[in-house]
Amino acid sequence: MTHLLNEMSGLIAFVRTVEVGSFTAAARDLKTSPSAISKSVGRLEKLVGSRLFLRSTRALTLTPDGQMLFERIGPLLRELDASDDGLSSSSGLTGRLRFSMPVEMSELFLGAIFTKFAEEYPDLTLDIGLTDRFVDIIRDDYDVVFRVGEVVQPDLVVRHLADLDMVLVAAPSLLSKWGVPRTIDDFQSMPFARYSVGSRTAHIAFADGSKILPTGQIDCDSGIALHSAARHGLGVALLLRCVVADDLDSGILIDVTPAGALKPMRFSAVHALGRTVPSRVKLLSDFVALEAQKLSVRARSPGDSAAARD
């Protein structure tokens, strides 16, 4: 390891290139030139006596030796990068905090993040990505992502923030045509607005272990699209209760969930920072956890859901 420390610039260039996918992107991030990054990686390859990348005109691909080095060195450099954040936390947060969350959740959280969290830490730059896609945390360079559902990647750290209730909803116009489902079996014949990613339709899983594969005219790859389809009477939709709470209060949507039929969904903060979590990531995760718990309580209290964004 001692001789590797003598090539720290090469290690940083190598890890950053893996994380962002190219010498050009790594150079932009490290404020240098692509040729300088390439030379640094070349020196590192010479030092370790092995090729770390397979280079082509279109892409860089890690070799097995490159993958092994990245898995060992990447976490160490991220912990080192996080250490000065902890030392300077007493004087306030600074630097960049890049995070991602689903589009449908952004309407519930961003107002509070902008008016409370951002104002409390004015020297912190927030870089926000909104997508229902589960981003590649390392390659897409996120400090932390907030996600609903199970996360099963063993190389990531998952912090459970809250349990959020799910609900099956439909517009009154749909129910007047198809009737109100009373049991899980009744949903087999109902049209759905279906969650579908990559031509794969997600099953509806119930608390008793049963599942149905919904049928319907509308396939969506985001919660916000499912919500809109349900509001327009195009199908039953499975959504977070906190997302549709206002519509349930006003009667735009009707809760058709059989009693006790659905398990809550886990809401989590996910990162690849190992044991040393920067203060900025911990404090944002604490803030989002508190807001999520407030939303969960308000969604269960009819008439109070509008207050969730005040």
Protein backbone atom coordinates (compact mmCIF):
# COMPACT_ATOMS: atom_id res chain seq x y z
CA MET A 1 0.00 0.00 0.00
CA THR A 2 2.93 2.37 0.70
CA HIS A 3 3.97 2.56 -2.94
CA LEU A 4 0.34 3.24 -3.93
CA LEU A 5 0.22 6.26 -1.65
CA ASN A 6 3.03 7.73 -3.73
CA GLU A 7 0.61 7.78 -6.67
CA MET A 8 -2.32 9.46 -4.91
CA SER A 9 -3.13 11.62 -7.94
CA GLY A 10 -3.38 8.48 -10.05
CA LEU A 11 -5.66 6.80 -7.52
CA ILE A 12 -7.96 9.83 -7.45
CA ALA A 13 -8.01 10.03 -11.25
CA PHE A 14 -8.73 6.30 -11.51
CA VAL A 15 -11.57 6.27 -8.97
CA ARG A 16 -13.16 9.39 -10.41
CA THR A 17 -12.99 7.97 -13.93
CA VAL A 18 -14.78 4.83 -12.79
CA GLU A 19 -17.43 6.86 -10.98
CA VAL A 20 -18.23 9.20 -13.87
CA GLY A 21 -17.48 6.87 -16.78
CA SER A 22 -14.86 8.70 -18.86
CA PHE A 23 -11.56 10.57 -18.74
CA THR A 24 -13.33 13.69 -20.05
CA ALA A 25 -15.95 13.71 -17.29
CA ALA A 26 -13.32 12.97 -14.63
CA ALA A 27 -11.15 15.82 -15.95
CA ARG A 28 -14.08 18.22 -15.80
CA ASP A 29 -14.83 17.18 -12.22
CA LEU A 30 -11.18 17.41 -11.12
CA LYS A 31 -10.58 20.65 -13.07
CA THR A 32 -7.83 19.29 -15.28
CA SER A 33 -7.48 17.92 -18.82
CA PRO A 34 -8.46 14.48 -20.18
CA SER A 35 -4.86 13.87 -21.21
CA ALA A 36 -3.68 14.56 -17.65
CA ILE A 37 -6.22 12.06 -16.30
CA SER A 38 -5.15 9.48 -18.88
CA LYS A 39 -1.47 9.95 -17.98
CA SER A 40 -2.21 9.67 -14.25
CA VAL A 41 -4.11 6.41 -14.80
CA GLY A 42 -1.30 5.19 -17.06
CA ARG A 43 1.28 5.81 -14.32
CA LEU A 44 -0.92 3.95 -11.86
CA GLU A 45 -1.24 1.00 -14.26
CA LYS A 46 2.53 0.90 -14.61
CA LEU A 47 2.93 1.02 -10.85
CA VAL A 48 0.55 -1.87 -10.15
CA GLY A 49 1.76 -3.81 -13.18
CA SER A 50 -1.68 -4.38 -14.66
CA ARG A 51 -4.16 -2.79 -17.04
CA LEU A 52 -7.06 -1.23 -15.18
CA PHE A 53 -9.23 -0.23 -18.17
CA LEU A 54 -9.99 -1.69 -21.56
CA ARG A 55 -10.04 1.37 -23.79
CA SER A 56 -12.06 1.78 -26.97
CA THR A 57 -13.25 4.76 -28.99
CA ARG A 58 -16.69 4.45 -27.40
CA ALA A 59 -16.19 3.40 -23.82
CA LEU A 60 -13.94 2.52 -20.92
CA THR A 61 -14.44 -0.88 -19.32
CA LEU A 62 -12.86 -2.01 -16.08
CA THR A 63 -10.65 -5.08 -16.23
CA PRO A 64 -10.97 -7.65 -13.42
CA ASP A 65 -7.85 -6.14 -11.80
CA GLY A 66 -9.35 -2.67 -12.21
CA GLN A 67 -12.58 -3.78 -10.57
CA MET A 68 -10.67 -5.28 -7.65
CA LEU A 69 -8.64 -2.10 -7.14
CA PHE A 70 -11.72 0.10 -7.35
CA GLU A 71 -13.61 -1.97 -4.77
CA ARG A 72 -10.67 -1.61 -2.36
CA ILE A 73 -9.66 1.98 -3.00
CA GLY A 74 -13.00 3.65 -3.78
CA PRO A 75 -14.48 3.39 -0.26
CA LEU A 76 -11.20 4.58 1.30
CA LEU A 77 -11.08 7.71 -0.83
CA ARG A 78 -14.75 8.46 -0.17
CA GLU A 79 -14.15 8.16 3.58
CA LEU A 80 -11.11 10.44 3.27
CA ASP A 81 -13.19 12.95 1.31
CA ALA A 82 -15.87 12.84 4.00
CA SER A 83 -13.47 13.37 6.91
CA ASP A 84 -12.96 17.10 6.41
CA ASP A 85 -16.72 17.57 6.34
CA GLY A 86 -16.91 16.18 9.86
CA LEU A 87 -14.06 18.39 11.04
CA SER A 88 -15.67 21.54 9.68
CA SER A 89 -19.25 20.75 10.68
CA SER A 90 -19.09 23.05 13.69
CA SER A 91 -18.81 26.08 11.41
CA GLY A 92 -21.71 25.05 9.15
CA LEU A 93 -22.06 22.85 6.11
CA THR A 94 -20.28 23.78 2.90
CA GLY A 95 -19.62 22.17 -0.46
CA ARG A 96 -21.99 20.27 -2.72
CA LEU A 97 -24.73 17.83 -1.71
CA ARG A 98 -26.07 15.84 -4.67
CA PHE A 99 -29.19 13.78 -4.02
CA SER A 100 -31.98 12.06 -5.92
CA MET A 101 -35.60 11.21 -5.14
CA PRO A 102 -38.67 10.04 -7.09
CA VAL A 103 -40.59 12.74 -8.95
CA GLU A 104 -43.81 12.09 -7.05
CA MET A 105 -42.01 12.53 -3.72
CA SER A 106 -40.45 15.83 -4.76
CA GLU A 107 -43.73 17.71 -4.43
CA LEU A 108 -43.93 16.56 -0.83
CA PHE A 109 -40.34 17.21 0.25
CA LEU A 110 -38.73 19.94 -1.85
CA GLY A 111 -40.78 22.78 -0.37
CA ALA A 112 -39.53 21.96 3.12
CA ILE A 113 -35.98 21.34 1.89
CA PHE A 114 -35.91 24.73 0.14
CA THR A 115 -37.53 26.76 2.92
CA LYS A 116 -35.98 25.08 5.95
CA PHE A 117 -32.91 22.96 5.17
CA ALA A 118 -31.42 25.22 2.47
CA GLU A 119 -31.99 28.35 4.55
CA GLU A 120 -30.32 26.78 7.57
CA TYR A 121 -27.22 25.89 5.52
CA PRO A 122 -26.78 28.76 3.03
CA ASP A 123 -23.20 27.77 2.13
CA LEU A 124 -24.26 24.29 1.02
CA THR A 125 -24.92 23.81 -2.70
CA LEU A 126 -27.83 21.44 -3.40
CA ASP A 127 -27.65 19.44 -6.64
CA ILE A 128 -30.99 17.65 -7.11
CA GLY A 129 -31.97 14.87 -9.49
CA LEU A 130 -35.61 13.80 -9.80
CA THR A 131 -36.29 10.39 -11.31
CA ASP A 132 -38.21 7.21 -10.50
CA ARG A 133 -35.29 5.26 -11.98
CA PHE A 134 -32.96 3.72 -9.41
CA VAL A 135 -29.82 5.65 -10.28
CA ASP A 136 -26.31 4.23 -10.18
CA ILE A 137 -25.16 6.06 -7.07
CA ILE A 138 -21.46 5.81 -7.82
CA ARG A 139 -21.42 6.35 -11.59
CA ASP A 140 -24.05 9.11 -11.41
CA ASP A 141 -22.10 10.74 -8.58
CA TYR A 142 -24.86 11.00 -5.97
CA ASP A 143 -24.07 11.49 -2.31
CA VAL A 144 -27.42 9.99 -1.28
CA VAL A 145 -30.64 8.87 -2.94
CA PHE A 146 -34.08 8.56 -1.36
CA ARG A 147 -36.10 5.57 -2.51
CA VAL A 148 -39.39 3.78 -1.81
CA GLY A 149 -39.28 -0.01 -1.66
CA GLU A 150 -36.67 -2.65 -0.91
CA VAL A 151 -33.03 -2.02 -1.82
CA VAL A 152 -31.08 -5.26 -2.15
CA GLN A 153 -27.65 -4.14 -3.39
CA PRO A 154 -25.13 -5.42 -0.79
CA ASP A 155 -22.51 -2.76 -1.63
CA LEU A 156 -24.83 0.08 -0.58
CA VAL A 157 -25.71 1.39 2.87
CA VAL A 158 -29.47 1.60 3.40
CA ARG A 159 -30.92 3.70 6.21
CA HIS A 160 -34.61 3.12 6.94
CA LEU A 161 -36.33 6.49 7.36
CA ALA A 162 -40.06 5.69 7.57
CA ASP A 163 -42.81 3.25 6.59
CA LEU A 164 -45.27 4.81 4.17
CA ASP A 165 -48.79 3.48 3.67
CA MET A 166 -49.88 2.33 0.23
CA VAL A 167 -53.39 2.65 -1.17
CA LEU A 168 -55.37 1.42 -4.17
CA VAL A 169 -57.30 4.33 -5.64
CA ALA A 170 -59.78 4.91 -8.43
CA ALA A 171 -61.82 7.80 -9.82
CA PRO A 172 -65.58 7.88 -9.14
CA SER A 173 -66.21 7.65 -12.91
CA LEU A 174 -64.31 4.35 -13.09
CA LEU A 175 -66.17 2.89 -10.13
CA SER A 176 -69.56 3.89 -11.54
CA LYS A 177 -68.74 1.85 -14.63
CA TRP A 178 -66.97 -1.15 -13.10
CA GLY A 179 -68.35 -1.24 -9.57
CA VAL A 180 -66.48 -1.02 -6.28
CA PRO A 181 -64.12 -3.95 -5.62
CA ARG A 182 -64.76 -5.56 -2.24
CA THR A 183 -62.14 -8.32 -2.15
CA ILE A 184 -58.70 -8.98 -3.59
CA ASP A 185 -60.25 -11.32 -6.17
CA ASP A 186 -62.46 -8.48 -7.42
CA PHE A 187 -59.38 -6.63 -8.65
CA GLN A 188 -58.63 -9.39 -11.16
CA SER A 189 -61.33 -8.02 -13.47
CA MET A 190 -60.67 -4.30 -12.87
CA PRO A 191 -58.67 -2.15 -15.33
CA PHE A 192 -55.46 -0.74 -13.85
CA ALA A 193 -53.02 2.02 -14.60
CA ARG A 194 -49.99 -0.23 -14.35
CA TYR A 195 -46.46 0.45 -13.19
CA SER A 196 -44.22 -0.86 -15.97
CA VAL A 197 -40.47 -0.48 -16.51
CA GLY A 198 -38.68 -1.93 -19.51
CA SER A 199 -41.88 -3.63 -20.74
CA ARG A 200 -42.15 -5.48 -17.43
CA THR A 201 -45.36 -4.89 -15.52
CA ALA A 202 -45.11 -4.91 -11.73
CA HIS A 203 -47.37 -7.24 -9.77
CA ILE A 204 -49.67 -5.93 -7.06
CA ALA A 205 -48.56 -7.69 -3.87
CA PHE A 206 -50.93 -8.00 -0.92
CA ALA A 207 -50.20 -8.43 2.78
CA ASP A 208 -51.46 -12.04 2.79
CA GLY A 209 -48.79 -13.01 0.24
CA SER A 210 -51.10 -13.12 -2.77
CA LYS A 211 -50.29 -11.27 -5.98
CA ILE A 212 -52.12 -10.22 -9.10
CA LEU A 213 -50.74 -9.16 -12.46
CA PRO A 214 -52.88 -6.13 -13.30
CA THR A 215 -54.32 -5.59 -16.75
CA GLY A 216 -55.25 -2.29 -18.31
CA GLN A 217 -54.82 0.21 -21.10
CA ILE A 218 -52.23 2.46 -19.45
CA ASP A 219 -48.62 1.56 -18.61
CA CYS A 220 -46.52 4.12 -16.70
CA ASP A 221 -42.92 4.23 -15.51
CA SER A 222 -43.50 6.87 -12.83
CA GLY A 223 -45.79 7.44 -9.88
CA ILE A 224 -46.79 10.87 -11.13
CA ALA A 225 -48.09 9.35 -14.38
CA LEU A 226 -50.00 6.65 -12.47
CA HIS A 227 -51.57 9.35 -10.31
CA SER A 228 -52.71 11.32 -13.35
CA ALA A 229 -54.13 8.22 -15.07
CA ALA A 230 -56.10 7.32 -11.95
CA ARG A 231 -57.50 10.86 -11.66
CA HIS A 232 -58.71 10.66 -15.26
CA GLY A 233 -60.58 7.41 -14.65
CA LEU A 234 -58.31 5.19 -16.73
CA GLY A 235 -57.69 2.58 -14.09
CA VAL A 236 -57.09 1.64 -10.48
CA ALA A 237 -53.61 2.66 -9.33
CA LEU A 238 -51.35 1.59 -6.47
CA LEU A 239 -49.87 4.74 -4.94
CA LEU A 240 -48.46 6.15 -1.73
CA ARG A 241 -51.23 7.42 0.52
CA CYS A 242 -49.30 10.61 1.29
CA VAL A 243 -49.15 11.39 -2.45
CA VAL A 244 -52.92 11.12 -2.99
CA ALA A 245 -54.11 12.32 0.43
CA ASP A 246 -55.54 15.61 -0.90
CA ASP A 247 -57.42 13.80 -3.68
CA LEU A 248 -58.88 11.35 -1.17
CA ASP A 249 -60.00 14.22 1.06
CA SER A 250 -61.69 16.02 -1.83
CA GLY A 251 -63.27 12.94 -3.41
CA ILE A 252 -61.32 13.20 -6.68
CA LEU A 253 -60.06 9.69 -5.91
CA ILE A 254 -61.64 6.94 -3.82
CA ASP A 255 -59.76 4.54 -1.59
CA VAL A 256 -60.75 1.03 -2.72
CA THR A 257 -58.16 -0.87 -0.66
CA PRO A 258 -59.59 -3.89 1.16
CA ALA A 259 -58.99 -3.59 4.90
CA GLY A 260 -55.47 -4.70 5.84
CA ALA A 261 -54.65 -5.75 2.30
CA LEU A 262 -51.46 -3.76 1.73
CA LYS A 263 -48.18 -3.58 3.61
CA PRO A 264 -46.47 -0.21 4.07
CA MET A 265 -43.51 0.58 1.84
CA ARG A 266 -40.07 1.27 3.29
CA PHE A 267 -38.71 4.73 2.59
CA SER A 268 -34.93 4.80 2.77
CA ALA A 269 -31.82 6.88 2.29
CA VAL A 270 -29.21 4.98 0.29
CA HIS A 271 -25.54 5.81 -0.15
CA ALA A 272 -22.18 4.21 -0.94
CA LEU A 273 -20.15 6.10 1.64
CA GLY A 274 -19.41 3.23 4.00
CA ARG A 275 -19.06 3.85 7.72
CA THR A 276 -17.95 7.49 7.52
CA VAL A 277 -21.05 9.41 6.50
CA PRO A 278 -20.50 13.12 5.82
CA SER A 279 -22.41 15.48 8.07
CA ARG A 280 -24.26 16.95 5.08
CA VAL A 281 -25.63 13.52 4.14
CA LYS A 282 -26.58 12.62 7.71
CA LEU A 283 -28.30 15.94 8.37
CA LEU A 284 -30.30 15.85 5.12
CA SER A 285 -31.32 12.24 5.84
CA ASP A 286 -32.40 13.23 9.36
CA PHE A 287 -34.42 16.12 7.92
CA VAL A 288 -36.13 13.98 5.27
CA ALA A 289 -36.87 11.26 7.85
CA LEU A 290 -38.66 13.78 10.09
CA GLU A 291 -40.65 15.18 7.15
CA ALA A 292 -41.59 11.65 6.01
CA GLN A 293 -42.90 10.76 9.44
CA LYS A 294 -44.98 13.96 9.51
CA LEU A 295 -46.40 13.15 6.06
CA SER A 296 -47.27 9.63 7.13
CA VAL A 297 -49.22 10.86 10.16
CA ARG A 298 -51.03 13.58 8.20
CA ALA A 299 -52.00 11.19 5.41
CA ARG A 300 -53.83 9.07 7.96
CA SER A 301 -55.74 12.08 9.29
CA PRO A 302 -58.55 13.10 6.90
CA GLY A 303 -58.64 16.83 6.23
CA ASP A 304 -55.11 17.46 7.50
CA SER A 305 -53.13 16.43 4.41
CA ALA A 306 -53.02 19.93 2.91
CA ALA A 307 -51.04 21.05 5.93
CA ALA A 308 -48.24 18.71 4.94
CA ARG A 309 -46.86 21.29 2.51
CA ASP A 310 -47.37 24.36 4.71
